All heavy atoms as atom14 arrays in JSON, in Angstrom:
{
  "sequence": "VRKTVNRLQTRIAKATREEKWNLVKRLQYLLTHS",
  "atom14_mask": [
    [1, 1, 1, 1, 1, 1, 1, 0, 0, 0, 0, 0, 0, 0],
    [1, 1, 1, 1, 1, 1, 1, 1, 1, 1, 1, 0, 0, 0],
    [1, 1, 1, 1, 1, 1, 1, 1, 1, 0, 0, 0, 0, 0],
    [1, 1, 1, 1, 1, 1, 1, 0, 0, 0, 0, 0, 0, 0],
    [1, 1, 1, 1, 1, 1, 1, 0, 0, 0, 0, 0, 0, 0],
    [1, 1, 1, 1, 1, 1, 1, 1, 0, 0, 0, 0, 0, 0],
    [1, 1, 1, 1, 1, 1, 1, 1, 1, 1, 1, 0, 0, 0],
    [1, 1, 1, 1, 1, 1, 1, 1, 0, 0, 0, 0, 0, 0],
    [1, 1, 1, 1, 1, 1, 1, 1, 1, 0, 0, 0, 0, 0],
    [1, 1, 1, 1, 1, 1, 1, 0, 0, 0, 0, 0, 0, 0],
    [1, 1, 1, 1, 1, 1, 1, 1, 1, 1, 1, 0, 0, 0],
    [1, 1, 1, 1, 1, 1, 1, 1, 0, 0, 0, 0, 0, 0],
    [1, 1, 1, 1, 1, 0, 0, 0, 0, 0, 0, 0, 0, 0],
    [1, 1, 1, 1, 1, 1, 1, 1, 1, 0, 0, 0, 0, 0],
    [1, 1, 1, 1, 1, 0, 0, 0, 0, 0, 0, 0, 0, 0],
    [1, 1, 1, 1, 1, 1, 1, 0, 0, 0, 0, 0, 0, 0],
    [1, 1, 1, 1, 1, 1, 1, 1, 1, 1, 1, 0, 0, 0],
    [1, 1, 1, 1, 1, 1, 1, 1, 1, 0, 0, 0, 0, 0],
    [1, 1, 1, 1, 1, 1, 1, 1, 1, 0, 0, 0, 0, 0],
    [1, 1, 1, 1, 1, 1, 1, 1, 1, 0, 0, 0, 0, 0],
    [1, 1, 1, 1, 1, 1, 1, 1, 1, 1, 1, 1, 1, 1],
    [1, 1, 1, 1, 1, 1, 1, 1, 0, 0, 0, 0, 0, 0],
    [1, 1, 1, 1, 1, 1, 1, 1, 0, 0, 0, 0, 0, 0],
    [1, 1, 1, 1, 1, 1, 1, 0, 0, 0, 0, 0, 0, 0],
    [1, 1, 1, 1, 1, 1, 1, 1, 1, 0, 0, 0, 0, 0],
    [1, 1, 1, 1, 1, 1, 1, 1, 1, 1, 1, 0, 0, 0],
    [1, 1, 1, 1, 1, 1, 1, 1, 0, 0, 0, 0, 0, 0],
    [1, 1, 1, 1, 1, 1, 1, 1, 1, 0, 0, 0, 0, 0],
    [1, 1, 1, 1, 1, 1, 1, 1, 1, 1, 1, 1, 0, 0],
    [1, 1, 1, 1, 1, 1, 1, 1, 0, 0, 0, 0, 0, 0],
    [1, 1, 1, 1, 1, 1, 1, 1, 0, 0, 0, 0, 0, 0],
    [1, 1, 1, 1, 1, 1, 1, 0, 0, 0, 0, 0, 0, 0],
    [1, 1, 1, 1, 1, 1, 1, 1, 1, 1, 0, 0, 0, 0],
    [1, 1, 1, 1, 1, 1, 0, 0, 0, 0, 0, 0, 0, 0]
  ],
  "atom14_positions": [
    [[-172.49, 9.15, -82.01], [-171.24, 9.53, -81.35], [-171.51, 10.61, -80.31], [-171.07, 10.52, -79.15], [-170.21, 10.03, -82.39], [-169.07, 10.76, -81.69], [-169.66, 8.86, -83.19], [0.0, 0.0, 0.0], [0.0, 0.0, 0.0], [0.0, 0.0, 0.0], [0.0, 0.0, 0.0], [0.0, 0.0, 0.0], [0.0, 0.0, 0.0], [0.0, 0.0, 0.0]],
    [[-172.25, 11.65, -80.7], [-172.56, 12.74, -79.76], [-173.43, 12.26, -78.62], [-173.27, 12.71, -77.48], [-173.25, 13.89, -80.51], [-172.31, 14.66, -81.42], [-172.95, 15.93, -81.94], [-172.02, 16.7, -82.74], [-171.13, 17.55, -82.25], [-171.06, 17.73, -80.94], [-170.32, 18.21, -83.05], [0.0, 0.0, 0.0], [0.0, 0.0, 0.0], [0.0, 0.0, 0.0]],
    [[-174.34, 11.35, -78.9], [-175.2, 10.81, -77.85], [-174.36, 10.08, -76.8], [-174.59, 10.23, -75.58], [-176.24, 9.86, -78.46], [-177.29, 9.37, -77.47], [-178.2, 8.34, -78.1], [-179.02, 8.93, -79.22], [-179.99, 7.92, -79.77], [0.0, 0.0, 0.0], [0.0, 0.0, 0.0], [0.0, 0.0, 0.0], [0.0, 0.0, 0.0], [0.0, 0.0, 0.0]],
    [[-173.4, 9.3, -77.25], [-172.53, 8.56, -76.32], [-171.7, 9.51, -75.47], [-171.58, 9.34, -74.24], [-171.59, 7.62, -77.11], [-172.36, 6.7, -77.88], [-170.68, 6.84, -76.18], [0.0, 0.0, 0.0], [0.0, 0.0, 0.0], [0.0, 0.0, 0.0], [0.0, 0.0, 0.0], [0.0, 0.0, 0.0], [0.0, 0.0, 0.0], [0.0, 0.0, 0.0]],
    [[-171.11, 10.52, -76.11], [-170.3, 11.51, -75.38], [-171.17, 12.3, -74.41], [-170.8, 12.51, -73.24], [-169.57, 12.45, -76.36], [-168.87, 13.59, -75.61], [-168.56, 11.67, -77.2], [0.0, 0.0, 0.0], [0.0, 0.0, 0.0], [0.0, 0.0, 0.0], [0.0, 0.0, 0.0], [0.0, 0.0, 0.0], [0.0, 0.0, 0.0], [0.0, 0.0, 0.0]],
    [[-172.34, 12.74, -74.86], [-173.24, 13.52, -73.99], [-173.71, 12.71, -72.78], [-173.88, 13.27, -71.69], [-174.46, 14.0, -74.79], [-174.12, 15.11, -75.76], [-173.08, 15.75, -75.62], [-174.97, 15.33, -76.75], [0.0, 0.0, 0.0], [0.0, 0.0, 0.0], [0.0, 0.0, 0.0], [0.0, 0.0, 0.0], [0.0, 0.0, 0.0], [0.0, 0.0, 0.0]],
    [[-173.9, 11.41, -72.99], [-174.32, 10.56, -71.87], [-173.26, 10.54, -70.78], [-173.57, 10.67, -69.59], [-174.6, 9.14, -72.39], [-175.27, 8.23, -71.37], [-175.46, 6.84, -71.92], [-176.29, 6.84, -73.12], [-175.88, 6.42, -74.31], [-174.65, 5.96, -74.47], [-176.7, 6.45, -75.34], [0.0, 0.0, 0.0], [0.0, 0.0, 0.0], [0.0, 0.0, 0.0]],
    [[-172.0, 10.41, -71.18], [-170.91, 10.41, -70.2], [-170.74, 11.79, -69.57], [-170.49, 11.91, -68.37], [-169.6, 9.96, -70.87], [-169.39, 8.45, -70.99], [-168.21, 8.15, -71.89], [-169.19, 7.82, -69.62], [0.0, 0.0, 0.0], [0.0, 0.0, 0.0], [0.0, 0.0, 0.0], [0.0, 0.0, 0.0], [0.0, 0.0, 0.0], [0.0, 0.0, 0.0]],
    [[-170.87, 12.84, -70.38], [-170.76, 14.2, -69.84], [-171.85, 14.48, -68.82], [-171.6, 15.15, -67.8], [-170.81, 15.22, -70.98], [-169.56, 15.26, -71.83], [-169.64, 16.29, -72.93], [-170.67, 16.43, -73.59], [-168.56, 17.02, -73.14], [0.0, 0.0, 0.0], [0.0, 0.0, 0.0], [0.0, 0.0, 0.0], [0.0, 0.0, 0.0], [0.0, 0.0, 0.0]],
    [[-173.05, 13.99, -69.06], [-174.15, 14.17, -68.11], [-173.85, 13.48, -66.79], [-174.1, 14.02, -65.71], [-175.46, 13.62, -68.71], [-175.76, 14.3, -69.93], [-176.62, 13.8, -67.75], [0.0, 0.0, 0.0], [0.0, 0.0, 0.0], [0.0, 0.0, 0.0], [0.0, 0.0, 0.0], [0.0, 0.0, 0.0], [0.0, 0.0, 0.0], [0.0, 0.0, 0.0]],
    [[-173.27, 12.3, -66.87], [-172.91, 11.58, -65.65], [-171.8, 12.32, -64.89], [-171.8, 12.35, -63.65], [-172.46, 10.15, -66.0], [-173.58, 9.26, -66.54], [-173.05, 7.89, -66.93], [-172.56, 7.16, -65.76], [-171.87, 6.02, -65.84], [-171.6, 5.49, -67.04], [-171.45, 5.42, -64.75], [0.0, 0.0, 0.0], [0.0, 0.0, 0.0], [0.0, 0.0, 0.0]],
    [[-170.86, 12.9, -65.62], [-169.79, 13.68, -64.99], [-170.37, 14.9, -64.28], [-170.0, 15.23, -63.14], [-168.72, 14.11, -66.02], [-167.97, 12.89, -66.55], [-167.73, 15.1, -65.41], [-167.06, 13.19, -67.73], [0.0, 0.0, 0.0], [0.0, 0.0, 0.0], [0.0, 0.0, 0.0], [0.0, 0.0, 0.0], [0.0, 0.0, 0.0], [0.0, 0.0, 0.0]],
    [[-171.29, 15.6, -64.94], [-171.93, 16.78, -64.35], [-172.7, 16.41, -63.08], [-172.63, 17.12, -62.07], [-172.85, 17.45, -65.37], [0.0, 0.0, 0.0], [0.0, 0.0, 0.0], [0.0, 0.0, 0.0], [0.0, 0.0, 0.0], [0.0, 0.0, 0.0], [0.0, 0.0, 0.0], [0.0, 0.0, 0.0], [0.0, 0.0, 0.0], [0.0, 0.0, 0.0]],
    [[-173.41, 15.3, -63.12], [-174.18, 14.84, -61.96], [-173.25, 14.51, -60.79], [-173.5, 14.91, -59.65], [-175.02, 13.62, -62.33], [-175.9, 13.09, -61.22], [-176.76, 11.94, -61.73], [-177.73, 11.43, -60.65], [-177.02, 10.77, -59.55], [0.0, 0.0, 0.0], [0.0, 0.0, 0.0], [0.0, 0.0, 0.0], [0.0, 0.0, 0.0], [0.0, 0.0, 0.0]],
    [[-172.17, 13.8, -61.07], [-171.2, 13.47, -60.02], [-170.53, 14.73, -59.47], [-170.22, 14.8, -58.27], [-170.15, 12.51, -60.57], [0.0, 0.0, 0.0], [0.0, 0.0, 0.0], [0.0, 0.0, 0.0], [0.0, 0.0, 0.0], [0.0, 0.0, 0.0], [0.0, 0.0, 0.0], [0.0, 0.0, 0.0], [0.0, 0.0, 0.0], [0.0, 0.0, 0.0]],
    [[-170.32, 15.72, -60.32], [-169.73, 16.99, -59.87], [-170.68, 17.71, -58.91], [-170.26, 18.21, -57.86], [-169.42, 17.9, -61.07], [-168.51, 17.23, -61.94], [-168.79, 19.21, -60.61], [0.0, 0.0, 0.0], [0.0, 0.0, 0.0], [0.0, 0.0, 0.0], [0.0, 0.0, 0.0], [0.0, 0.0, 0.0], [0.0, 0.0, 0.0], [0.0, 0.0, 0.0]],
    [[-171.97, 17.79, -59.27], [-172.96, 18.42, -58.39], [-173.01, 17.74, -57.03], [-173.19, 18.4, -56.0], [-174.34, 18.4, -59.04], [-174.54, 19.44, -60.12], [-176.03, 19.59, -60.47], [-176.6, 18.35, -60.95], [-176.61, 17.96, -62.22], [-176.06, 18.74, -63.15], [-177.16, 16.82, -62.58], [0.0, 0.0, 0.0], [0.0, 0.0, 0.0], [0.0, 0.0, 0.0]],
    [[-172.85, 16.42, -57.04], [-172.9, 15.66, -55.79], [-171.54, 15.6, -55.09], [-171.41, 14.95, -54.05], [-173.4, 14.25, -56.08], [-174.84, 14.22, -56.61], [-175.27, 12.84, -57.1], [-174.4, 11.93, -57.12], [-176.45, 12.68, -57.45], [0.0, 0.0, 0.0], [0.0, 0.0, 0.0], [0.0, 0.0, 0.0], [0.0, 0.0, 0.0], [0.0, 0.0, 0.0]],
    [[-170.54, 16.25, -55.7], [-169.18, 16.31, -55.15], [-168.57, 14.93, -54.94], [-167.82, 14.69, -53.99], [-169.15, 17.13, -53.86], [-169.57, 18.58, -54.06], [-169.42, 19.43, -52.81], [-168.99, 18.87, -51.76], [-169.72, 20.63, -52.88], [0.0, 0.0, 0.0], [0.0, 0.0, 0.0], [0.0, 0.0, 0.0], [0.0, 0.0, 0.0], [0.0, 0.0, 0.0]],
    [[-168.88, 14.02, -55.83], [-168.29, 12.68, -55.81], [-167.06, 12.7, -56.73], [-167.1, 12.23, -57.87], [-169.31, 11.64, -56.27], [-170.52, 11.53, -55.35], [-171.52, 10.5, -55.88], [-172.72, 10.37, -54.96], [-173.73, 9.4, -55.47], [0.0, 0.0, 0.0], [0.0, 0.0, 0.0], [0.0, 0.0, 0.0], [0.0, 0.0, 0.0], [0.0, 0.0, 0.0]],
    [[-165.96, 13.23, -56.22], [-164.8, 13.52, -57.06], [-164.09, 12.28, -57.57], [-163.52, 12.3, -58.67], [-163.84, 14.45, -56.31], [-164.52, 15.74, -55.94], [-164.84, 16.18, -54.69], [-164.99, 16.75, -56.85], [-165.47, 17.39, -54.76], [-165.58, 17.77, -56.07], [-164.98, 16.88, -58.24], [-166.15, 18.91, -56.64], [-165.55, 18.01, -58.82], [-166.12, 19.0, -58.02]],
    [[-164.12, 11.21, -56.8], [-163.51, 9.96, -57.29], [-164.31, 9.41, -58.48], [-163.73, 8.89, -59.44], [-163.45, 8.91, -56.18], [-162.38, 9.22, -55.15], [-161.38, 9.87, -55.47], [-162.58, 8.79, -53.92], [0.0, 0.0, 0.0], [0.0, 0.0, 0.0], [0.0, 0.0, 0.0], [0.0, 0.0, 0.0], [0.0, 0.0, 0.0], [0.0, 0.0, 0.0]],
    [[-165.63, 9.55, -58.41], [-166.48, 9.12, -59.51], [-166.25, 10.01, -60.73], [-166.21, 9.52, -61.86], [-167.95, 9.14, -59.09], [-168.97, 8.73, -60.17], [-168.67, 7.33, -60.69], [-170.4, 8.83, -59.62], [0.0, 0.0, 0.0], [0.0, 0.0, 0.0], [0.0, 0.0, 0.0], [0.0, 0.0, 0.0], [0.0, 0.0, 0.0], [0.0, 0.0, 0.0]],
    [[-166.11, 11.31, -60.5], [-165.81, 12.24, -61.59], [-164.55, 11.81, -62.31], [-164.5, 11.76, -63.55], [-165.65, 13.69, -61.06], [-165.07, 14.61, -62.14], [-166.98, 14.24, -60.59], [0.0, 0.0, 0.0], [0.0, 0.0, 0.0], [0.0, 0.0, 0.0], [0.0, 0.0, 0.0], [0.0, 0.0, 0.0], [0.0, 0.0, 0.0], [0.0, 0.0, 0.0]],
    [[-163.53, 11.47, -61.54], [-162.25, 11.07, -62.13], [-162.4, 9.81, -62.96], [-161.85, 9.7, -64.07], [-161.23, 10.85, -61.0], [-159.81, 10.6, -61.48], [-158.86, 10.53, -60.29], [-157.43, 10.31, -60.76], [-156.48, 10.24, -59.61], [0.0, 0.0, 0.0], [0.0, 0.0, 0.0], [0.0, 0.0, 0.0], [0.0, 0.0, 0.0], [0.0, 0.0, 0.0]],
    [[-163.16, 8.83, -62.45], [-163.34, 7.57, -63.19], [-164.13, 7.8, -64.48], [-163.81, 7.22, -65.53], [-164.06, 6.54, -62.31], [-163.23, 6.03, -61.14], [-163.78, 4.73, -60.58], [-165.13, 4.89, -60.06], [-165.42, 5.26, -58.81], [-164.43, 5.53, -57.96], [-166.66, 5.35, -58.41], [0.0, 0.0, 0.0], [0.0, 0.0, 0.0], [0.0, 0.0, 0.0]],
    [[-165.15, 8.62, -64.4], [-165.97, 8.9, -65.59], [-165.19, 9.7, -66.63], [-165.34, 9.47, -67.84], [-167.23, 9.67, -65.18], [-168.26, 8.88, -64.36], [-169.34, 9.81, -63.83], [-168.88, 7.76, -65.21], [0.0, 0.0, 0.0], [0.0, 0.0, 0.0], [0.0, 0.0, 0.0], [0.0, 0.0, 0.0], [0.0, 0.0, 0.0], [0.0, 0.0, 0.0]],
    [[-164.35, 10.62, -66.17], [-163.5, 11.36, -67.11], [-162.53, 10.41, -67.82], [-162.26, 10.57, -69.02], [-162.72, 12.45, -66.37], [-163.56, 13.65, -65.98], [-162.72, 14.72, -65.31], [-161.87, 14.43, -64.46], [-162.95, 15.97, -65.68], [0.0, 0.0, 0.0], [0.0, 0.0, 0.0], [0.0, 0.0, 0.0], [0.0, 0.0, 0.0], [0.0, 0.0, 0.0]],
    [[-162.03, 9.44, -67.08], [-161.13, 8.45, -67.69], [-161.87, 7.67, -68.78], [-161.34, 7.46, -69.89], [-160.59, 7.5, -66.62], [-159.64, 6.45, -67.16], [-158.27, 6.71, -67.23], [-160.11, 5.22, -67.62], [-157.39, 5.77, -67.74], [-159.25, 4.27, -68.12], [-157.89, 4.54, -68.18], [-157.02, 3.61, -68.7], [0.0, 0.0, 0.0], [0.0, 0.0, 0.0]],
    [[-163.1, 7.26, -68.48], [-163.89, 6.53, -69.47], [-164.11, 7.38, -70.72], [-164.02, 6.89, -71.86], [-165.25, 6.15, -68.87], [-165.27, 5.01, -67.85], [-166.68, 4.82, -67.31], [-164.77, 3.71, -68.48], [0.0, 0.0, 0.0], [0.0, 0.0, 0.0], [0.0, 0.0, 0.0], [0.0, 0.0, 0.0], [0.0, 0.0, 0.0], [0.0, 0.0, 0.0]],
    [[-164.38, 8.67, -70.52], [-164.65, 9.55, -71.65], [-163.41, 9.77, -72.51], [-163.46, 9.65, -73.74], [-165.18, 10.89, -71.14], [-165.53, 11.94, -72.2], [-166.54, 11.4, -73.2], [-166.06, 13.21, -71.56], [0.0, 0.0, 0.0], [0.0, 0.0, 0.0], [0.0, 0.0, 0.0], [0.0, 0.0, 0.0], [0.0, 0.0, 0.0], [0.0, 0.0, 0.0]],
    [[-162.29, 10.09, -71.87], [-161.07, 10.39, -72.64], [-160.46, 9.16, -73.3], [-159.6, 9.29, -74.16], [-160.01, 11.06, -71.75], [-159.74, 10.23, -70.61], [-160.47, 12.43, -71.28], [0.0, 0.0, 0.0], [0.0, 0.0, 0.0], [0.0, 0.0, 0.0], [0.0, 0.0, 0.0], [0.0, 0.0, 0.0], [0.0, 0.0, 0.0], [0.0, 0.0, 0.0]],
    [[-160.92, 7.98, -72.9], [-160.42, 6.75, -73.52], [-161.47, 6.1, -74.42], [-161.25, 5.0, -74.92], [-159.95, 5.76, -72.45], [-158.69, 6.17, -71.76], [-158.66, 7.2, -70.82], [-157.41, 5.74, -71.89], [-157.41, 7.35, -70.4], [-156.64, 6.49, -71.02], [0.0, 0.0, 0.0], [0.0, 0.0, 0.0], [0.0, 0.0, 0.0], [0.0, 0.0, 0.0]],
    [[-162.6, 6.77, -74.6], [-163.66, 6.18, -75.41], [-163.44, 6.47, -76.89], [-162.95, 7.54, -77.28], [-165.03, 6.73, -74.97], [-165.24, 8.04, -75.45], [0.0, 0.0, 0.0], [0.0, 0.0, 0.0], [0.0, 0.0, 0.0], [0.0, 0.0, 0.0], [0.0, 0.0, 0.0], [0.0, 0.0, 0.0], [0.0, 0.0, 0.0], [0.0, 0.0, 0.0]]
  ]
}
């Protein structure tokens, strides 16, 4: 469970660093609905 959540959180952090805010939003949606 933690591995799955951490994987999505890592992708969110990477998209944040790259300032890809639409991608951040989509990944957050995936996480909060997982």
